[in-house]
């Protein structure tokens, strides 16, 4: 992050349903890191998912593969 920003990151299944909110808070400038525990309340099955990260006005969506 180049400056302080409200950051949120969510995990979606292939149907577009939000299955987990990973982070939703204001973060200081720098290189934040966080992880998604797929067994923590979501019981996500192995497969293809998408994550969307919003930081200020910027939005990035990427594919991820969960394997167990």
N, C-alpha and C. Protein backbone atom coordinates (compact mmCIF):
# COMPACT_ATOMS: atom_id res chain seq x y z
N UNK A 1 0.84 -1.18 0.00
CA UNK A 1 0.00 0.00 0.00
C UNK A 1 0.89 1.24 0.00
N UNK A 2 0.60 2.15 -0.89
CA UNK A 2 1.38 3.38 -0.95
C UNK A 2 0.98 4.36 0.15
N UNK A 3 -0.26 4.20 0.63
CA UNK A 3 -0.74 5.06 1.70
C UNK A 3 -1.75 4.27 2.53
N UNK A 4 -2.11 4.79 3.69
CA UNK A 4 -3.13 4.14 4.51
C UNK A 4 -4.41 4.00 3.69
N UNK A 5 -5.09 2.86 3.87
CA UNK A 5 -6.32 2.63 3.09
C UNK A 5 -7.21 1.63 3.78
N UNK A 6 -8.51 1.73 3.49
CA UNK A 6 -9.46 0.70 3.90
C UNK A 6 -9.24 -0.49 2.97
N UNK A 7 -9.01 -1.66 3.55
CA UNK A 7 -8.70 -2.86 2.78
C UNK A 7 -9.72 -3.94 3.12
N UNK A 8 -10.20 -4.61 2.08
CA UNK A 8 -11.05 -5.78 2.30
C UNK A 8 -10.65 -6.85 1.30
N UNK A 9 -10.78 -8.10 1.73
CA UNK A 9 -10.49 -9.23 0.86
C UNK A 9 -11.53 -10.30 1.14
N UNK A 10 -12.13 -10.81 0.08
CA UNK A 10 -13.17 -11.82 0.20
C UNK A 10 -12.86 -12.99 -0.73
N UNK A 11 -13.32 -14.17 -0.34
CA UNK A 11 -13.17 -15.38 -1.14
C UNK A 11 -14.55 -15.74 -1.69
N UNK A 12 -14.59 -16.05 -2.99
CA UNK A 12 -15.84 -16.41 -3.67
C UNK A 12 -15.73 -17.81 -4.25
N UNK A 13 -16.86 -18.53 -4.29
CA UNK A 13 -16.86 -19.80 -5.01
C UNK A 13 -17.19 -19.54 -6.48
N UNK A 14 -17.27 -20.59 -7.27
CA UNK A 14 -17.49 -20.43 -8.72
C UNK A 14 -18.85 -19.83 -9.07
N UNK A 15 -19.81 -19.90 -8.14
CA UNK A 15 -21.13 -19.31 -8.40
C UNK A 15 -21.17 -17.83 -8.04
N UNK A 16 -20.07 -17.32 -7.46
CA UNK A 16 -20.03 -15.91 -7.08
C UNK A 16 -20.47 -15.65 -5.65
N UNK A 17 -20.73 -16.71 -4.89
CA UNK A 17 -21.16 -16.59 -3.50
C UNK A 17 -19.95 -16.32 -2.61
N UNK A 18 -20.04 -15.32 -1.74
CA UNK A 18 -18.96 -15.04 -0.80
C UNK A 18 -18.93 -16.15 0.23
N UNK A 19 -17.78 -16.81 0.36
CA UNK A 19 -17.69 -17.87 1.36
C UNK A 19 -16.85 -17.46 2.56
N UNK A 20 -16.07 -16.39 2.42
CA UNK A 20 -15.26 -15.94 3.55
C UNK A 20 -14.81 -14.49 3.34
N UNK A 21 -14.81 -13.73 4.41
CA UNK A 21 -14.20 -12.40 4.42
C UNK A 21 -12.89 -12.55 5.17
N UNK A 22 -11.79 -12.37 4.48
CA UNK A 22 -10.47 -12.60 5.05
C UNK A 22 -10.04 -11.42 5.91
N UNK A 23 -10.24 -10.23 5.39
CA UNK A 23 -9.84 -9.02 6.12
C UNK A 23 -10.77 -7.89 5.73
N UNK A 24 -11.02 -7.01 6.69
CA UNK A 24 -11.82 -5.82 6.43
C UNK A 24 -11.46 -4.79 7.50
N UNK A 25 -10.44 -3.98 7.18
CA UNK A 25 -9.97 -2.99 8.15
C UNK A 25 -9.12 -1.93 7.47
N UNK A 26 -8.80 -0.90 8.20
CA UNK A 26 -7.92 0.15 7.70
C UNK A 26 -6.50 -0.27 8.00
N UNK A 27 -5.64 -0.28 6.97
CA UNK A 27 -4.25 -0.68 7.14
C UNK A 27 -3.32 0.47 6.83
N UNK A 28 -2.18 0.47 7.50
CA UNK A 28 -1.14 1.47 7.26
C UNK A 28 -0.39 1.16 5.97
N UNK A 29 0.22 2.17 5.40
CA UNK A 29 1.03 1.99 4.19
C UNK A 29 2.11 0.94 4.45
N UNK A 30 2.45 0.20 3.41
CA UNK A 30 3.47 -0.84 3.54
C UNK A 30 3.04 -2.08 2.78
N UNK A 31 3.60 -3.22 3.17
CA UNK A 31 3.30 -4.49 2.52
C UNK A 31 2.59 -5.41 3.51
N UNK A 32 1.28 -5.31 3.58
CA UNK A 32 0.55 -6.17 4.51
C UNK A 32 0.50 -7.60 3.99
N UNK A 33 0.34 -8.55 4.89
CA UNK A 33 0.13 -9.94 4.48
C UNK A 33 -0.93 -10.55 5.39
N UNK A 34 -1.68 -11.47 4.85
CA UNK A 34 -2.70 -12.19 5.60
C UNK A 34 -2.98 -13.48 4.86
N UNK A 35 -3.61 -14.41 5.54
CA UNK A 35 -3.88 -15.71 4.93
C UNK A 35 -5.32 -16.12 5.18
N UNK A 36 -5.78 -17.06 4.38
CA UNK A 36 -7.13 -17.60 4.49
C UNK A 36 -7.03 -19.03 5.00
N UNK A 37 -7.67 -19.30 6.12
CA UNK A 37 -7.74 -20.65 6.66
C UNK A 37 -9.04 -21.26 6.15
N UNK A 38 -8.95 -22.10 5.16
CA UNK A 38 -10.14 -22.68 4.51
C UNK A 38 -10.91 -23.61 5.43
N UNK A 39 -10.33 -24.03 6.54
CA UNK A 39 -11.02 -24.91 7.49
C UNK A 39 -11.65 -24.16 8.64
N UNK A 40 -11.47 -22.86 8.68
CA UNK A 40 -11.95 -22.06 9.80
C UNK A 40 -13.36 -21.55 9.55
N UNK A 41 -14.35 -22.40 9.78
CA UNK A 41 -15.75 -21.97 9.68
C UNK A 41 -16.35 -22.11 8.30
N UNK A 42 -15.54 -22.26 7.25
CA UNK A 42 -16.11 -22.34 5.91
C UNK A 42 -16.17 -23.76 5.38
N UNK A 43 -15.27 -24.63 5.85
CA UNK A 43 -15.18 -26.02 5.37
C UNK A 43 -15.17 -26.07 3.85
N UNK A 44 -14.35 -25.27 3.24
CA UNK A 44 -14.27 -25.20 1.78
C UNK A 44 -13.69 -26.49 1.22
N UNK A 45 -14.28 -26.96 0.18
CA UNK A 45 -13.82 -28.17 -0.51
C UNK A 45 -12.69 -27.79 -1.46
N UNK A 46 -11.82 -28.76 -1.79
CA UNK A 46 -10.79 -28.48 -2.79
C UNK A 46 -11.45 -28.04 -4.10
N UNK A 47 -10.85 -27.09 -4.77
CA UNK A 47 -11.40 -26.62 -6.04
C UNK A 47 -10.90 -25.23 -6.38
N UNK A 48 -11.59 -24.61 -7.31
CA UNK A 48 -11.22 -23.28 -7.80
C UNK A 48 -12.08 -22.23 -7.09
N UNK A 49 -11.42 -21.19 -6.64
CA UNK A 49 -12.08 -20.07 -5.97
C UNK A 49 -11.51 -18.77 -6.55
N UNK A 50 -12.12 -17.68 -6.18
CA UNK A 50 -11.62 -16.36 -6.56
C UNK A 50 -11.49 -15.53 -5.30
N UNK A 51 -10.49 -14.66 -5.28
CA UNK A 51 -10.41 -13.68 -4.20
C UNK A 51 -10.44 -12.29 -4.80
N UNK A 52 -11.10 -11.41 -4.10
CA UNK A 52 -11.16 -10.00 -4.51
C UNK A 52 -10.60 -9.18 -3.38
N UNK A 53 -9.67 -8.31 -3.73
CA UNK A 53 -9.06 -7.44 -2.74
C UNK A 53 -9.30 -6.00 -3.15
N UNK A 54 -9.83 -5.24 -2.23
CA UNK A 54 -10.05 -3.81 -2.44
C UNK A 54 -9.15 -3.05 -1.49
N UNK A 55 -8.44 -2.07 -2.03
CA UNK A 55 -7.60 -1.19 -1.23
C UNK A 55 -7.82 0.22 -1.74
N UNK A 56 -8.57 1.00 -0.98
CA UNK A 56 -8.93 2.33 -1.44
C UNK A 56 -9.80 2.22 -2.68
N UNK A 57 -9.37 2.82 -3.78
CA UNK A 57 -10.12 2.79 -5.04
C UNK A 57 -9.71 1.61 -5.95
N UNK A 58 -8.64 0.91 -5.59
CA UNK A 58 -8.13 -0.17 -6.43
C UNK A 58 -8.78 -1.50 -6.05
N UNK A 59 -9.18 -2.27 -7.09
CA UNK A 59 -9.80 -3.58 -6.89
C UNK A 59 -9.08 -4.59 -7.76
N UNK A 60 -8.68 -5.72 -7.17
CA UNK A 60 -8.01 -6.79 -7.90
C UNK A 60 -8.74 -8.08 -7.62
N UNK A 61 -9.03 -8.84 -8.68
CA UNK A 61 -9.65 -10.16 -8.54
C UNK A 61 -8.75 -11.19 -9.20
N UNK A 62 -8.47 -12.26 -8.49
CA UNK A 62 -7.59 -13.34 -9.00
C UNK A 62 -8.18 -14.69 -8.66
N UNK A 63 -7.74 -15.69 -9.43
CA UNK A 63 -8.17 -17.06 -9.20
C UNK A 63 -7.21 -17.72 -8.23
N UNK A 64 -7.74 -18.63 -7.39
CA UNK A 64 -6.88 -19.44 -6.54
C UNK A 64 -7.38 -20.87 -6.56
N UNK A 65 -6.47 -21.80 -6.33
CA UNK A 65 -6.82 -23.21 -6.31
C UNK A 65 -6.55 -23.74 -4.91
N UNK A 66 -7.56 -24.33 -4.31
CA UNK A 66 -7.44 -24.92 -2.98
C UNK A 66 -7.26 -26.42 -3.13
N UNK A 67 -6.17 -26.92 -2.60
CA UNK A 67 -5.95 -28.37 -2.61
C UNK A 67 -5.72 -28.82 -1.16
N UNK A 68 -6.11 -30.01 -0.88
CA UNK A 68 -5.94 -30.53 0.48
C UNK A 68 -5.17 -31.82 0.45
